[in-house]
Every structure is written in C-alpha cells, then in structure tokens.
C-alpha atoms as a PDB file:
ATOM      1  CA  MET A   1      83.483 100.530  78.451  1.00  0.00           C
ATOM      2  CA  SER A   2      82.256  99.720  74.957  1.00  0.00           C
ATOM      3  CA  ALA A   3      85.547 101.034  73.527  1.00  0.00           C
ATOM      4  CA  LEU A   4      87.447  98.700  75.878  1.00  0.00           C
ATOM      5  CA  SER A   5      85.319  95.788  74.698  1.00  0.00           C
ATOM      6  CA  ARG A   6      86.098  96.542  71.062  1.00  0.00           C
ATOM      7  CA  ASP A   7      89.817  96.715  71.867  1.00  0.00           C
ATOM      8  CA  ALA A   8      89.638  93.456  73.766  1.00  0.00           C
ATOM      9  CA  ARG A   9      87.760  91.814  70.910  1.00  0.00           C
ATOM     10  CA  ALA A  10      90.401  93.020  68.448  1.00  0.00           C
ATOM     11  CA  ILE A  11      93.128  91.551  70.652  1.00  0.00           C
ATOM     12  CA  VAL A  12      91.300  88.236  70.860  1.00  0.00           C
ATOM     13  CA  ASP A  13      90.792  88.123  67.098  1.00  0.00           C
ATOM     14  CA  ALA A  14      94.451  88.887  66.479  1.00  0.00           C
ATOM     15  CA  VAL A  15      95.577  86.242  68.951  1.00  0.00           C
ATOM     16  CA  ASN A  16      93.240  83.703  67.380  1.00  0.00           C
ATOM     17  CA  ARG A  17      94.690  84.411  63.954  1.00  0.00           C
ATOM     18  CA  VAL A  18      98.209  84.028  65.323  1.00  0.00           C
ATOM     19  CA  LYS A  19      97.145  80.835  67.079  1.00  0.00           C
ATOM     20  CA  THR A  20      95.844  79.397  63.813  1.00  0.00           C
ATOM     21  CA  GLU A  21      98.979  80.243  61.862  1.00  0.00           C
ATOM     22  CA  VAL A  22     101.300  78.980  64.585  1.00  0.00           C
ATOM     23  CA  GLY A  23      99.238  75.811  64.853  1.00  0.00           C
ATOM     24  CA  ARG A  24      99.781  75.191  61.159  1.00  0.00           C
ATOM     25  CA  LEU A  25     103.478  75.847  61.596  1.00  0.00           C
ATOM     26  CA  ALA A  26     103.666  73.493  64.559  1.00  0.00           C
ATOM     27  CA  ASN A  27     101.924  70.742  62.623  1.00  0.00           C
ATOM     28  CA  ALA A  28     104.340  71.196  59.745  1.00  0.00           C
ATOM     29  CA  LEU A  29     107.331  71.066  62.071  1.00  0.00           C
ATOM     30  CA  GLN A  30     106.099  67.975  63.888  1.00  0.00           C
ATOM     31  CA  ALA A  31     104.888  66.080  60.819  1.00  0.00           C
ATOM     32  CA  PRO A  32     106.924  62.909  60.244  1.00  0.00           C
ATOM     33  CA  VAL A  33     108.961  62.660  57.065  1.00  0.00           C
ATOM     34  CA  GLU A  34     107.884  59.751  54.929  1.00  0.00           C
ATOM     35  CA  THR A  35     110.715  57.787  53.361  1.00  0.00           C
ATOM     36  CA  THR A  36     110.644  55.146  50.697  1.00  0.00           C
ATOM     37  CA  PRO A  37     112.989  52.171  50.554  1.00  0.00           C
ATOM     38  CA  ASP A  38     115.726  52.101  47.955  1.00  0.00           C
ATOM     39  CA  GLY A  39     115.291  49.944  44.920  1.00  0.00           C
ATOM     40  CA  PRO A  40     112.601  49.569  42.290  1.00  0.00           C
ATOM     41  CA  THR A  41     109.009  49.763  43.438  1.00  0.00           C
ATOM     42  CA  THR A  42     105.722  48.997  41.738  1.00  0.00           C
ATOM     43  CA  PRO A  43     103.315  51.970  41.731  1.00  0.00           C
ATOM     44  CA  THR A  44      99.939  51.193  43.237  1.00  0.00           C
ATOM     45  CA  ASP A  45      96.782  51.647  41.166  1.00  0.00           C
ATOM     46  CA  ASP A  46      93.956  53.124  43.239  1.00  0.00           C
ATOM     47  CA  GLY A  47      91.463  52.229  40.528  1.00  0.00           C
ATOM     48  CA  ARG A  48      91.092  55.666  38.939  1.00  0.00           C
ATOM     49  CA  VAL A  49      93.282  54.844  35.934  1.00  0.00           C
ATOM     50  CA  THR A  50      91.460  51.563  35.416  1.00  0.00           C
ATOM     51  CA  ARG A  51      88.028  53.206  35.637  1.00  0.00           C
ATOM     52  CA  LEU A  52      89.031  56.031  33.291  1.00  0.00           C
ATOM     53  CA  THR A  53      90.388  53.584  30.707  1.00  0.00           C
ATOM     54  CA  GLU A  54      87.224  51.529  30.928  1.00  0.00           C
ATOM     55  CA  MET A  55      85.039  54.624  30.468  1.00  0.00           C
ATOM     56  CA  LEU A  56      86.989  55.818  27.421  1.00  0.00           C
ATOM     57  CA  THR A  57      87.357  52.481  25.641  1.00  0.00           C
ATOM     58  CA  GLY A  58      84.462  50.450  26.989  1.00  0.00           C
ATOM     59  CA  VAL A  59      86.937  47.659  27.771  1.00  0.00           C
ATOM     60  CA  ARG A  60      88.291  46.901  31.204  1.00  0.00           C
ATOM     61  CA  PRO A  61      92.112  46.718  30.942  1.00  0.00           C
ATOM     62  CA  GLU A  62      93.824  43.527  31.959  1.00  0.00           C
ATOM     63  CA  PRO A  63      96.077  43.680  35.043  1.00  0.00           C
ATOM     64  CA  ASP A  64      99.820  43.962  34.550  1.00  0.00           C
ATOM     65  CA  THR A  65     101.827  40.761  34.781  1.00  0.00           C
ATOM     66  CA  CYS A  66     105.541  39.957  34.740  1.00  0.00           C
ATOM     67  CA  ARG A  67     106.984  38.595  31.488  1.00  0.00           C
ATOM     68  CA  SER A  68     110.438  37.102  31.080  1.00  0.00           C
ATOM     69  CA  ILE A  69     112.495  37.841  27.986  1.00  0.00           C
ATOM     70  CA  GLU A  70     116.024  36.779  27.115  1.00  0.00           C
ATOM     71  CA  VAL A  71     118.532  39.421  26.065  1.00  0.00           C
ATOM     72  CA  ASP A  72     121.921  38.144  24.931  1.00  0.00           C
ATOM     73  CA  GLY A  73     121.735  35.146  27.249  1.00  0.00           C
ATOM     74  CA  GLU A  74     120.404  37.120  30.242  1.00  0.00           C
ATOM     75  CA  THR A  75     116.814  36.814  31.471  1.00  0.00           C
ATOM     76  CA  ILE A  76     115.034  40.135  32.055  1.00  0.00           C
ATOM     77  CA  SER A  77     111.600  40.569  33.697  1.00  0.00           C
ATOM     78  CA  VAL A  78     109.241  43.214  32.324  1.00  0.00           C
ATOM     79  CA  ARG A  79     105.693  44.184  33.274  1.00  0.00           C
ATOM     80  CA  GLY A  80     102.841  44.532  30.830  1.00  0.00           C
ATOM     81  CA  SER A  81      99.242  43.666  30.059  1.00  0.00           C
ATOM     82  CA  GLY A  82      97.536  41.989  27.150  1.00  0.00           C
ATOM     83  CA  ASP A  83      99.162  39.743  24.583  1.00  0.00           C
ATOM     84  CA  PHE A  84     102.969  39.766  24.539  1.00  0.00           C
ATOM     85  CA  THR A  85     103.990  39.353  20.917  1.00  0.00           C
ATOM     86  CA  GLU A  86     107.371  38.630  19.376  1.00  0.00           C
ATOM     87  CA  GLN A  87     107.458  42.246  18.214  1.00  0.00           C
ATOM     88  CA  ASP A  88     107.023  43.389  21.823  1.00  0.00           C
ATOM     89  CA  ALA A  89     109.864  41.113  22.922  1.00  0.00           C
ATOM     90  CA  ASN A  90     112.151  42.514  20.221  1.00  0.00           C
ATOM     91  CA  PHE A  91     111.218  46.048  21.282  1.00  0.00           C
ATOM     92  CA  PHE A  92     112.165  45.412  24.920  1.00  0.00           C
ATOM     93  CA  GLN A  93     115.371  43.656  23.872  1.00  0.00           C
ATOM     94  CA  GLU A  94     116.493  46.736  21.951  1.00  0.00           C
ATOM     95  CA  ILE A  95     115.680  48.962  24.931  1.00  0.00           C
ATOM     96  CA  VAL A  96     117.776  46.787  27.252  1.00  0.00           C
ATOM     97  CA  ARG A  97     120.673  46.682  24.785  1.00  0.00           C
ATOM     98  CA  ALA A  98     120.575  50.476  24.385  1.00  0.00           C
ATOM     99  CA  ALA A  99     120.638  50.914  28.172  1.00  0.00           C
ATOM    100  CA  LYS A 100     123.629  48.571  28.445  1.00  0.00           C
ATOM    101  CA  ARG A 101     125.516  50.416  25.708  1.00  0.00           C
ATOM    102  CA  ARG A 102     124.921  53.739  27.428  1.00  0.00           C
ATOM    103  CA  TYR A 103     126.098  52.371  30.782  1.00  0.00           C
ATOM    104  CA  GLU A 104     129.253  50.924  29.241  1.00  0.00           C
ATOM    105  CA  ALA A 105     129.949  54.192  27.429  1.00  0.00           C
ATOM    106  CA  GLU A 106     129.600  56.222  30.642  1.00  0.00           C
ATOM    107  CA  HIS A 107     131.547  53.870  32.914  1.00  0.00           C
ATOM    108  CA  GLY A 108     134.029  52.387  30.468  1.00  0.00           C
ATOM    109  CA  THR A 109     136.022  55.643  30.258  1.00  0.00           C
ATOM    110  CA  ALA A 110     136.594  55.748  34.004  1.00  0.00           C
ATOM    111  CA  ASP A 111     137.678  52.095  34.042  1.00  0.00           C
ATOM    112  CA  ASP A 112     140.110  52.707  31.174  1.00  0.00           C
ATOM    113  CA  GLU A 113     141.575  55.726  32.971  1.00  0.00           C
ATOM    114  CA  ASP A 114     142.117  53.700  36.138  1.00  0.00           C
ATOM    115  CA  GLU A 115     143.853  50.951  34.170  1.00  0.00           C
ATOM    116  CA  LEU A 116     146.111  53.458  32.415  1.00  0.00           C
ATOM    117  CA  ARG A 117     146.896  55.119  35.730  1.00  0.00           C
ATOM    118  CA  TRP A 118     147.972  51.846  37.353  1.00  0.00           C
ATOM    119  CA  THR A 119     150.047  50.881  34.301  1.00  0.00           C
ATOM    120  CA  ARG A 120     151.743  54.271  34.362  1.00  0.00           C
ATOM    121  CA  ARG A 121     152.559  53.983  38.063  1.00  0.00           C
ATOM    122  CA  GLU A 122     154.033  50.532  37.615  1.00  0.00           C
ATOM    123  CA  ALA A 123     156.238  51.881  34.831  1.00  0.00           C
ATOM    124  CA  LEU A 124     157.074  54.868  37.010  1.00  0.00           C
ATOM    125  CA  GLY A 125     158.356  52.563  39.751  1.00  0.00           C
ATOM    126  CA  VAL A 126     160.595  50.736  37.283  1.00  0.00           C
ATOM    127  CA  LEU A 127     161.982  53.976  35.856  1.00  0.00           C
ATOM    128  CA  LEU A 128     162.687  55.411  39.309  1.00  0.00           C
ATOM    129  CA  SER A 129     164.516  52.218  40.238  1.00  0.00           C
ATOM    130  CA  ARG A 130     166.678  52.483  37.095  1.00  0.00           C
ATOM    131  CA  ALA A 131     167.339  56.155  37.833  1.00  0.00           C
ATOM    132  CA  GLU A 132     168.558  55.280  41.332  1.00  0.00           C
ATOM    133  CA  ARG A 133     170.966  52.725  39.866  1.00  0.00           C
ATOM    134  CA  GLY A 134     172.229  55.266  37.314  1.00  0.00           C
ATOM    135  CA  VAL A 135     171.263  53.177  34.287  1.00  0.00           C
ATOM    136  CA  LEU A 136     168.432  55.367  32.980  1.00  0.00           C
ATOM    137  CA  THR A 137     168.636  56.051  29.241  1.00  0.00           C
ATOM    138  CA  THR A 138     167.741  59.342  27.557  1.00  0.00           C
ATOM    139  CA  ALA A 139     164.476  57.916  26.200  1.00  0.00           C
ATOM    140  CA  GLU A 140     163.599  56.505  29.622  1.00  0.00           C
ATOM    141  CA  ALA A 141     164.341  59.891  31.226  1.00  0.00           C
ATOM    142  CA  ALA A 142     161.857  61.540  28.852  1.00  0.00           C
ATOM    143  CA  GLN A 143     159.296  58.861  29.683  1.00  0.00           C
ATOM    144  CA  LEU A 144     159.922  59.379  33.407  1.00  0.00           C
ATOM    145  CA  ARG A 145     159.330  63.113  33.008  1.00  0.00           C
ATOM    146  CA  ALA A 146     156.074  62.485  31.115  1.00  0.00           C
ATOM    147  CA  HIS A 147     154.852  60.092  33.801  1.00  0.00           C
ATOM    148  CA  MET A 148     155.725  62.574  36.567  1.00  0.00           C
ATOM    149  CA  GLU A 149     153.872  65.383  34.776  1.00  0.00           C
ATOM    150  CA  ALA A 150     150.820  63.134  34.421  1.00  0.00           C
ATOM    151  CA  GLU A 151     150.954  62.327  38.151  1.00  0.00           C
ATOM    152  CA  ILE A 152     151.169  66.037  38.968  1.00  0.00           C
ATOM    153  CA  ARG A 153     148.113  66.734  36.794  1.00  0.00           C
ATOM    154  CA  ASP A 154     146.172  63.970  38.547  1.00  0.00           C
ATOM    155  CA  CYS A 155     147.210  65.376  41.914  1.00  0.00           C
ATOM    156  CA  ASN A 156     146.084  68.890  40.964  1.00  0.00           C
ATOM    157  CA  THR A 157     142.755  67.531  39.726  1.00  0.00           C
ATOM    158  CA  ALA A 158     142.263  65.637  42.987  1.00  0.00           C
ATOM    159  CA  ARG A 159     142.996  68.830  44.944  1.00  0.00           C
ATOM    160  CA  LYS A 160     140.392  70.755  42.931  1.00  0.00           C
ATOM    161  CA  VAL A 161     137.794  68.051  43.524  1.00  0.00           C
ATOM    162  CA  ALA A 162     138.594  67.956  47.244  1.00  0.00           C
ATOM    163  CA  ARG A 163     138.386  71.758  47.427  1.00  0.00           C
ATOM    164  CA  GLY A 164     135.013  71.720  45.694  1.00  0.00           C
ATOM    165  CA  ASN A 165     133.726  69.041  48.064  1.00  0.00           C
ATOM    166  CA  ARG A 166     134.970  71.026  51.051  1.00  0.00           C
ATOM    167  CA  ASP A 167     133.204  74.185  49.841  1.00  0.00           C
ATOM    168  CA  HIS A 168     130.015  72.198  49.281  1.00  0.00           C
ATOM    169  CA  VAL A 169     130.187  70.774  52.803  1.00  0.00           C
ATOM    170  CA  ARG A 170     130.706  74.259  54.220  1.00  0.00           C
ATOM    171  CA  TYR A 171     127.671  75.511  52.300  1.00  0.00           C
ATOM    172  CA  LEU A 172     125.550  72.649  53.608  1.00  0.00           C
ATOM    173  CA  ALA A 173     126.763  73.312  57.150  1.00  0.00           C
ATOM    174  CA  GLY A 174     125.719  76.953  56.807  1.00  0.00           C
ATOM    175  CA  GLU A 175     122.295  75.931  55.516  1.00  0.00           C
ATOM    176  CA  ILE A 176     121.866  73.529  58.430  1.00  0.00           C
ATOM    177  CA  ASP A 177     122.755  76.291  60.897  1.00  0.00           C
ATOM    178  CA  ARG A 178     120.312  78.691  59.211  1.00  0.00           C
ATOM    179  CA  LEU A 179     117.456  76.195  59.198  1.00  0.00           C
ATOM    180  CA  THR A 180     118.190  75.248  62.802  1.00  0.00           C
ATOM    181  CA  ALA A 181     117.989  78.910  63.822  1.00  0.00           C
ATOM    182  CA  GLU A 182     114.676  79.319  61.977  1.00  0.00           C
ATOM    183  CA  LEU A 183     113.323  76.218  63.679  1.00  0.00           C
ATOM    184  CA  GLU A 184     114.346  77.526  67.093  1.00  0.00           C
ATOM    185  CA  GLN A 185     112.680  80.877  66.356  1.00  0.00           C
ATOM    186  CA  ALA A 186     109.488  79.133  65.259  1.00  0.00           C
ATOM    187  CA  GLN A 187     109.466  76.987  68.388  1.00  0.00           C
ATOM    188  CA  ALA A 188     110.025  80.081  70.532  1.00  0.00           C
ATOM    189  CA  ALA A 189     107.084  81.788  68.793  1.00  0.00           C
ATOM    190  CA  ILE A 190     104.922  78.758  69.527  1.00  0.00           C
ATOM    191  CA  GLU A 191     105.846  78.897  73.205  1.00  0.00           C
ATOM    192  CA  ARG A 192     105.075  82.624  73.375  1.00  0.00           C
ATOM    193  CA  VAL A 193     101.653  82.098  71.844  1.00  0.00           C
ATOM    194  CA  ARG A 194     100.953  79.220  74.210  1.00  0.00           C
ATOM    195  CA  ALA A 195     101.805  81.506  77.115  1.00  0.00           C
ATOM    196  CA  VAL A 196      99.396  84.187  75.851  1.00  0.00           C
ATOM    197  CA  LEU A 197      96.495  81.853  75.060  1.00  0.00           C
ATOM    198  CA  PRO A 198      95.145  81.528  78.633  1.00  0.00           C
ATOM    199  CA  TYR A 199      94.934  85.312  78.958  1.00  0.00           C
ATOM    200  CA  ALA A 200      93.370  85.640  75.511  1.00  0.00           C
ATOM    201  CA  GLU A 201      90.764  83.014  76.353  1.00  0.00           C
ATOM    202  CA  GLN A 202      90.054  84.789  79.634  1.00  0.00           C
ATOM    203  CA  ILE A 203      89.586  88.095  77.803  1.00  0.00           C
ATOM    204  CA  ALA A 204      87.350  86.409  75.259  1.00  0.00           C
ATOM    205  CA  THR A 205      85.189  84.969  78.035  1.00  0.00           C
ATOM    206  CA  THR A 206      84.855  88.237  79.930  1.00  0.00           C
ATOM    207  CA  THR A 207      84.082  90.267  76.797  1.00  0.00           C
ATOM    208  CA  ASP A 208      81.754  87.776  75.085  1.00  0.00           C
ATOM    209  CA  PRO A 209      78.345  89.539  74.908  1.00  0.00           C
ATOM    210  CA  THR A 210      76.531  86.185  75.041  1.00  0.00           C
ATOM    211  CA  THR A 211      77.915  85.380  78.512  1.00  0.00           C
END
C-alpha cells in the first residue's frame, strides 16, 4: 500500500508540474497584445531618471518644454530643458537641414525615374503613330527600339518584384499555418490537462497523509 501511495504521489507531482507549465502557456496565449498608435509619441518619465540626475549632480533637472525654431522659412518644434541659446538653435537647424537633404536624396531618384518613364512613354506613343503612318525616319526607328528595350527592362523588373512579393506572401502563409497548428496543439494540451485535473486532485486527497 505504501508503494501505491508513493506512485500516486509521483503522479500528482507530475500532474501539478504539467498544470503549472500549461497554466503559464495558457496565460501567454490569452494575454492581450498591446499596440501603440502610429505617429510620434512622448516617452513618459516615471521619475527614476529625474531622481538619478538629481543624485549625481545635486541639481533637479528642469522639465522638458517645446521650443519653436525657424528653418528656411518653416517652423519646427523641438523639446528641451534649460536655456535655449542661439547656438542650440543653429545646431537643431543643421540637423533638420541634414534630414531634409537625406530625404530628398533617397526619394528624388524615384521621382526622376518616374518622370523619365512618363516622358519616354509619351515619346513612344508619338513614334508608334509615325510608324503606323509609314513616316518613321531611321533615327526615329533607332529611338523607338531604345524606348521599347527600356520598356521591356521595366517589365522584367516588375515581374521580378512581383515574384519576390509572391514568394514572401507564400512564406508568411506557411508561417501562419505553422503557428496556427502549434496554437491548436497547445490548446488541445490544455484541455487534456483540464480533463485530468479532477482525477489528480482526487488522488491527491485520498493519498494525502494529513487527511
């Protein structure tokens, strides 16, 4: 009988461990996902940074405030604390100008390519119309060929991009299926443990030496 009690106790201990782990898993699965709104946000200060600064310097830092500076005729708001000197304003102006230059450098190329593409297609329409009327010159025929080759290159590039996007979507779909299957298995494990718990609790009660 004592051997049976030890076996029962081992079963109860094992079930309790499984119950704990599955409970953690269930909490993780049911925990809501916190989302943050798009757009710039101001980080909250819980006081620890302020207290640490005060301890290190002996001076309580002033709270951040919004300052307005003008950059090439445009008003920009920045946050800061303490005195806002002309040197600080010049520093922020250079940062804003550098950011604008980088944006224009990254996006200007795409805009130029679009403009060239539309200009080429307008010229292509004119050349095709002249070819249909039989008045296309030798130079215009060479230009027509160059425009057609450029259109073919653009088309091939678009196909490659579309193929890459399709492969990416297929990969994501496979990941979604895999994660869904894992979630279903976890939920099934939770249900199995829930079904065993009453019997485990009954065994624990009947084998508890204090009862």
